[in-house]
Amino acid sequence: MSDYQTILYSVDEAVATICLNRPERRNALTTQLLDELRHAFETAATDPAVRAIVLTGAGPTFCSGQDLSMFTGKLEGHTVREAILKHYKPLILGMVELPKPIIGAINGGAAGAGASLALACDLRVMAEESYIMQAFSNIGLVPDAGSTWFMVRMLGYSRAFQLCAEAERISAARCMEYGMCNRMASADELLAVAQSWARQLAGRPTLALGWTKRALDAGLSTTLEASIQIEAQLQAQAIETRDHIEGVTAFLQKRAPVFKGE
């Protein structure tokens, strides 16, 4: 699936940039777009030339959520349950489990399932006028595509419930305040800022960063004892990497390390 129709995919300086490309529909999600996204992330995950990923949207909107123009009691032939489990679940899990850092460059509104895409990124840079919105209650639905999992862990129950219940737009500034956003940038500079940050991360020890993602994810749902067990297992793997040897050597030689993701 190299000839994408609903996304753009490019690789430059070890950074894969994935861009939702349905600006005429505010990058609303279809099963084709979801499947192409999943394929692009899988491609980036297995490509040794890629060591960090940027996700963004074409036009003024990051992603407006599910394309409701295709809803006629079913979503493109699927029941809602089938669509979530077949198309959304593997994409969101794949992003969280992907062993390389993902930076979301949130160029505009991220609403509904589009908010889930934004929150599934490891880091977020938001344009000053962008926002995240759990819009589901506006149409009598429950947040999905992982939104409840992300929101309650980032915000705690009371604030997460309020924002979901009231379907309030959470501005970039408030996202910074709430810990949902790492950096802000002007709309004109957003992608450049995100890609520059991704290049910095691409120069870090890629394997160790992937294992760090795994350990932190496990830490959300395990005991301290279990977390230490997981850390011990992953550390045993990390200490055998060439990047570890390079890091120690560079430290002893008082120079900057040159990591190769090996």
Protein backbone atom coordinates (compact mmCIF):
# COMPACT_ATOMS: atom_id res chain seq x y z
CA MET A 1 0.00 0.00 0.00
CA SER A 2 2.63 2.51 -1.07
CA ASP A 3 0.29 4.61 -3.23
CA TYR A 4 -1.65 6.35 -0.51
CA GLN A 5 -4.81 8.24 -1.43
CA THR A 6 -5.78 9.83 1.90
CA ILE A 7 -2.41 10.51 3.53
CA LEU A 8 1.00 11.83 2.56
CA TYR A 9 4.13 9.96 3.64
CA SER A 10 7.73 11.11 3.36
CA VAL A 11 11.07 10.41 5.03
CA ASP A 12 13.84 12.97 5.49
CA GLU A 13 16.82 12.95 7.86
CA ALA A 14 15.57 9.86 9.73
CA VAL A 15 12.14 11.44 10.31
CA ALA A 16 8.96 10.07 8.72
CA THR A 17 6.24 12.69 8.29
CA ILE A 18 2.70 11.36 8.00
CA CYS A 19 0.07 13.89 6.95
CA LEU A 20 -3.69 13.33 6.94
CA ASN A 21 -4.68 14.52 3.48
CA ARG A 22 -8.42 15.10 3.21
CA PRO A 23 -8.43 18.87 3.80
CA GLU A 24 -11.70 19.30 1.89
CA ARG A 25 -13.33 17.15 4.62
CA ARG A 26 -11.28 18.63 7.50
CA ASN A 27 -9.29 15.37 7.46
CA ALA A 28 -12.33 13.44 8.65
CA LEU A 29 -11.62 9.75 9.19
CA THR A 30 -12.75 6.99 6.87
CA THR A 31 -11.87 3.31 7.02
CA GLN A 32 -9.50 3.85 4.10
CA LEU A 33 -7.70 6.67 5.90
CA LEU A 34 -7.48 4.67 9.12
CA ASP A 35 -6.07 1.66 7.28
CA GLU A 36 -3.58 3.79 5.35
CA LEU A 37 -2.48 5.42 8.60
CA ARG A 38 -1.97 2.04 10.18
CA HIS A 39 0.08 0.87 7.21
CA ALA A 40 2.20 4.05 7.29
CA PHE A 41 2.98 3.62 10.99
CA GLU A 42 3.85 -0.04 10.44
CA THR A 43 6.14 0.97 7.58
CA ALA A 44 7.88 3.57 9.74
CA ALA A 45 8.20 1.10 12.60
CA THR A 46 10.10 -1.44 10.50
CA ASP A 47 12.16 0.97 8.36
CA PRO A 48 15.69 1.26 9.82
CA ALA A 49 16.04 4.63 8.06
CA VAL A 50 13.23 6.03 10.25
CA ARG A 51 14.00 6.85 13.88
CA ALA A 52 11.20 9.31 14.71
CA ILE A 53 7.78 10.18 13.30
CA VAL A 54 5.71 13.35 12.93
CA LEU A 55 1.93 13.18 12.49
CA THR A 56 0.06 16.23 11.21
CA GLY A 57 -2.88 17.27 9.03
CA ALA A 58 -3.21 19.10 5.72
CA GLY A 59 -5.06 22.39 5.71
CA PRO A 60 -6.33 24.31 8.75
CA THR A 61 -7.65 21.25 10.67
CA PHE A 62 -5.68 18.42 12.24
CA CYS A 63 -8.61 15.97 12.23
CA SER A 64 -12.34 16.53 12.75
CA GLY A 65 -12.99 12.91 13.75
CA GLN A 66 -15.08 10.25 12.05
CA ASP A 67 -16.56 11.31 8.70
CA LEU A 68 -20.24 11.40 9.67
CA SER A 69 -21.30 11.94 6.05
CA MET A 70 -20.63 8.23 5.62
CA PHE A 71 -22.82 7.25 8.56
CA THR A 72 -26.13 5.68 7.55
CA GLY A 73 -26.76 3.57 10.61
CA LYS A 74 -23.46 1.84 9.88
CA LEU A 75 -19.95 3.08 9.20
CA GLU A 76 -19.08 2.07 5.65
CA GLY A 77 -20.80 -1.29 6.02
CA HIS A 78 -19.57 -1.94 9.56
CA THR A 79 -21.48 -1.66 12.78
CA VAL A 80 -19.97 0.95 15.07
CA ARG A 81 -18.55 -1.79 17.28
CA GLU A 82 -16.98 -3.55 14.30
CA ALA A 83 -15.49 -0.28 12.99
CA ILE A 84 -13.90 0.55 16.34
CA LEU A 85 -12.44 -2.92 16.84
CA LYS A 86 -11.34 -3.54 13.25
CA HIS A 87 -10.01 -0.13 12.23
CA TYR A 88 -9.51 2.16 15.24
CA LYS A 89 -8.21 -0.29 17.81
CA PRO A 90 -5.24 -1.67 15.81
CA LEU A 91 -4.23 1.84 14.73
CA ILE A 92 -4.24 3.36 18.21
CA LEU A 93 -2.58 0.31 19.81
CA GLY A 94 0.00 0.34 17.03
CA MET A 95 0.86 3.97 17.75
CA VAL A 96 1.19 3.43 21.50
CA GLU A 97 3.28 0.27 21.01
CA LEU A 98 5.40 1.62 18.14
CA PRO A 99 9.07 1.42 19.26
CA LYS A 100 9.95 4.89 18.00
CA PRO A 101 8.84 8.34 19.22
CA ILE A 102 5.80 9.94 17.59
CA ILE A 103 5.34 13.71 17.71
CA GLY A 104 1.91 15.10 16.92
CA ALA A 105 2.06 18.46 15.11
CA ILE A 106 -1.48 19.59 15.93
CA ASN A 107 -2.09 22.24 13.29
CA GLY A 108 -5.77 22.89 14.05
CA GLY A 109 -8.79 21.33 15.66
CA ALA A 110 -8.44 17.74 16.88
CA ALA A 111 -11.98 16.62 17.64
CA GLY A 112 -13.66 13.31 18.41
CA ALA A 113 -11.54 10.44 17.18
CA GLY A 114 -9.12 13.08 15.88
CA ALA A 115 -8.44 13.92 19.53
CA SER A 116 -7.61 10.26 20.10
CA LEU A 117 -5.06 10.40 17.27
CA ALA A 118 -3.47 13.47 18.85
CA LEU A 119 -3.39 11.94 22.32
CA ALA A 120 -1.96 8.65 21.03
CA CYS A 121 1.22 10.49 20.04
CA ASP A 122 4.05 10.40 22.57
CA LEU A 123 4.58 14.17 22.38
CA ARG A 124 2.51 17.05 21.03
CA VAL A 125 3.41 20.42 19.53
CA MET A 126 0.26 22.52 19.11
CA ALA A 127 -0.32 25.55 16.93
CA GLU A 128 -1.33 28.52 19.05
CA GLU A 129 -4.89 28.53 17.64
CA SER A 130 -5.37 24.76 17.71
CA TYR A 131 -7.46 22.82 20.20
CA ILE A 132 -8.43 19.34 21.36
CA MET A 133 -12.11 18.55 21.79
CA GLN A 134 -13.97 15.47 22.96
CA ALA A 135 -17.02 16.23 20.81
CA PHE A 136 -18.85 12.92 21.29
CA SER A 137 -21.48 14.13 23.76
CA ASN A 138 -22.63 16.74 21.22
CA ILE A 139 -24.09 13.89 19.17
CA GLY A 140 -25.06 11.62 22.06
CA LEU A 141 -22.09 9.30 21.87
CA VAL A 142 -19.36 8.00 24.19
CA PRO A 143 -15.69 8.95 23.65
CA ASP A 144 -13.95 6.15 21.78
CA ALA A 145 -10.75 5.20 19.94
CA GLY A 146 -8.92 5.21 23.26
CA SER A 147 -10.03 8.69 24.32
CA THR A 148 -11.30 7.61 27.75
CA TRP A 149 -7.99 5.82 28.47
CA PHE A 150 -5.86 8.81 27.45
CA MET A 151 -8.01 11.48 29.08
CA VAL A 152 -8.38 9.93 32.53
CA ARG A 153 -4.65 9.14 32.76
CA MET A 154 -3.57 12.58 31.63
CA LEU A 155 -6.13 14.59 33.57
CA GLY A 156 -7.65 12.52 36.37
CA TYR A 157 -11.29 11.47 36.53
CA SER A 158 -13.08 14.71 37.43
CA ARG A 159 -11.44 16.96 34.85
CA ALA A 160 -11.58 14.26 32.16
CA PHE A 161 -15.29 13.70 32.78
CA GLN A 162 -16.06 17.42 32.73
CA LEU A 163 -14.27 17.97 29.41
CA CYS A 164 -15.94 14.92 27.86
CA ALA A 165 -19.40 15.75 29.23
CA GLU A 166 -19.32 19.40 28.21
CA ALA A 167 -17.53 18.82 24.88
CA GLU A 168 -15.47 21.91 25.52
CA ARG A 169 -12.71 23.04 23.20
CA ILE A 170 -9.43 22.75 25.10
CA SER A 171 -7.16 25.47 23.73
CA ALA A 172 -3.48 24.89 23.11
CA ALA A 173 -2.67 27.10 26.10
CA ARG A 174 -4.94 25.05 28.38
CA CYS A 175 -3.52 21.82 26.96
CA MET A 176 -0.10 23.11 28.02
CA GLU A 177 -1.47 23.89 31.47
CA TYR A 178 -3.10 20.46 31.78
CA GLY A 179 -0.05 18.54 30.55
CA MET A 180 -1.70 17.44 27.29
CA CYS A 181 0.74 19.46 25.17
CA ASN A 182 4.53 19.72 25.34
CA ARG A 183 5.21 22.78 23.20
CA MET A 184 3.37 25.52 21.30
CA ALA A 185 4.32 27.21 18.05
CA SER A 186 2.83 29.60 15.54
CA ALA A 187 0.89 27.95 12.73
CA ASP A 188 3.59 28.95 10.23
CA GLU A 189 6.37 27.40 12.27
CA LEU A 190 4.53 24.37 13.67
CA LEU A 191 5.69 21.67 11.26
CA ALA A 192 9.27 22.92 11.23
CA VAL A 193 9.34 22.93 15.05
CA ALA A 194 7.92 19.40 15.21
CA GLN A 195 10.30 18.06 12.57
CA SER A 196 13.30 19.72 14.21
CA TRP A 197 12.34 18.12 17.53
CA ALA A 198 11.85 14.77 15.77
CA ARG A 199 15.34 15.04 14.26
CA GLN A 200 16.75 15.61 17.74
CA LEU A 201 14.98 12.50 19.01
CA ALA A 202 16.13 10.59 15.93
CA GLY A 203 19.67 11.28 17.12
CA ARG A 204 18.95 9.64 20.47
CA PRO A 205 19.30 5.85 21.16
CA THR A 206 16.23 4.61 19.28
CA LEU A 207 16.05 1.14 20.85
CA ALA A 208 16.29 2.57 24.36
CA LEU A 209 13.54 5.11 23.61
CA GLY A 210 11.26 2.35 22.34
CA TRP A 211 11.85 0.31 25.49
CA THR A 212 11.26 3.42 27.59
CA LYS A 213 7.86 3.81 25.92
CA ARG A 214 7.08 0.20 26.80
CA ALA A 215 8.14 0.61 30.44
CA LEU A 216 6.16 3.81 30.94
CA ASP A 217 3.07 2.31 29.32
CA ALA A 218 3.30 -0.71 31.60
CA GLY A 219 3.78 1.56 34.59
CA LEU A 220 0.28 2.98 34.08
CA SER A 221 -1.35 -0.30 35.00
CA THR A 222 1.12 -2.33 37.07
CA THR A 223 2.47 -2.30 40.60
CA LEU A 224 5.83 -0.83 41.52
CA GLU A 225 7.23 -4.34 41.92
CA ALA A 226 6.03 -5.34 38.46
CA SER A 227 7.43 -2.15 36.96
CA ILE A 228 10.86 -2.88 38.40
CA GLN A 229 10.71 -6.39 36.96
CA ILE A 230 9.90 -4.95 33.52
CA GLU A 231 12.68 -2.37 33.84
CA ALA A 232 15.17 -5.10 34.72
CA GLN A 233 14.17 -7.12 31.66
CA LEU A 234 14.40 -4.14 29.31
CA GLN A 235 17.65 -2.89 30.83
CA ALA A 236 19.21 -6.30 30.21
CA GLN A 237 18.38 -5.82 26.53
CA ALA A 238 19.52 -2.19 26.41
CA ILE A 239 22.91 -2.88 27.96
CA GLU A 240 23.77 -5.18 25.03
CA THR A 241 23.19 -2.48 22.39
CA ARG A 242 25.88 -0.63 20.49
CA ASP A 243 24.25 2.65 21.50
CA HIS A 244 24.90 1.85 25.17
CA ILE A 245 28.55 1.13 24.45
CA GLU A 246 28.78 4.37 22.46
CA GLY A 247 27.11 6.34 25.25
CA VAL A 248 29.52 5.06 27.92
CA THR A 249 32.53 5.52 25.64
CA ALA A 250 31.51 9.08 24.79
CA PHE A 251 30.96 9.85 28.48
CA LEU A 252 34.45 8.60 29.40
CA GLN A 253 35.99 10.47 26.47
CA LYS A 254 34.08 13.64 27.38
CA ARG A 255 32.46 14.01 23.95
CA ALA A 256 28.96 13.99 22.54
CA PRO A 257 27.72 10.47 21.72
CA VAL A 258 26.82 9.47 18.18
CA PHE A 259 23.90 7.08 18.43
CA LYS A 260 22.95 4.93 15.46
CA GLY A 261 19.84 3.24 16.75
CA GLU A 262 21.60 -0.10 17.13
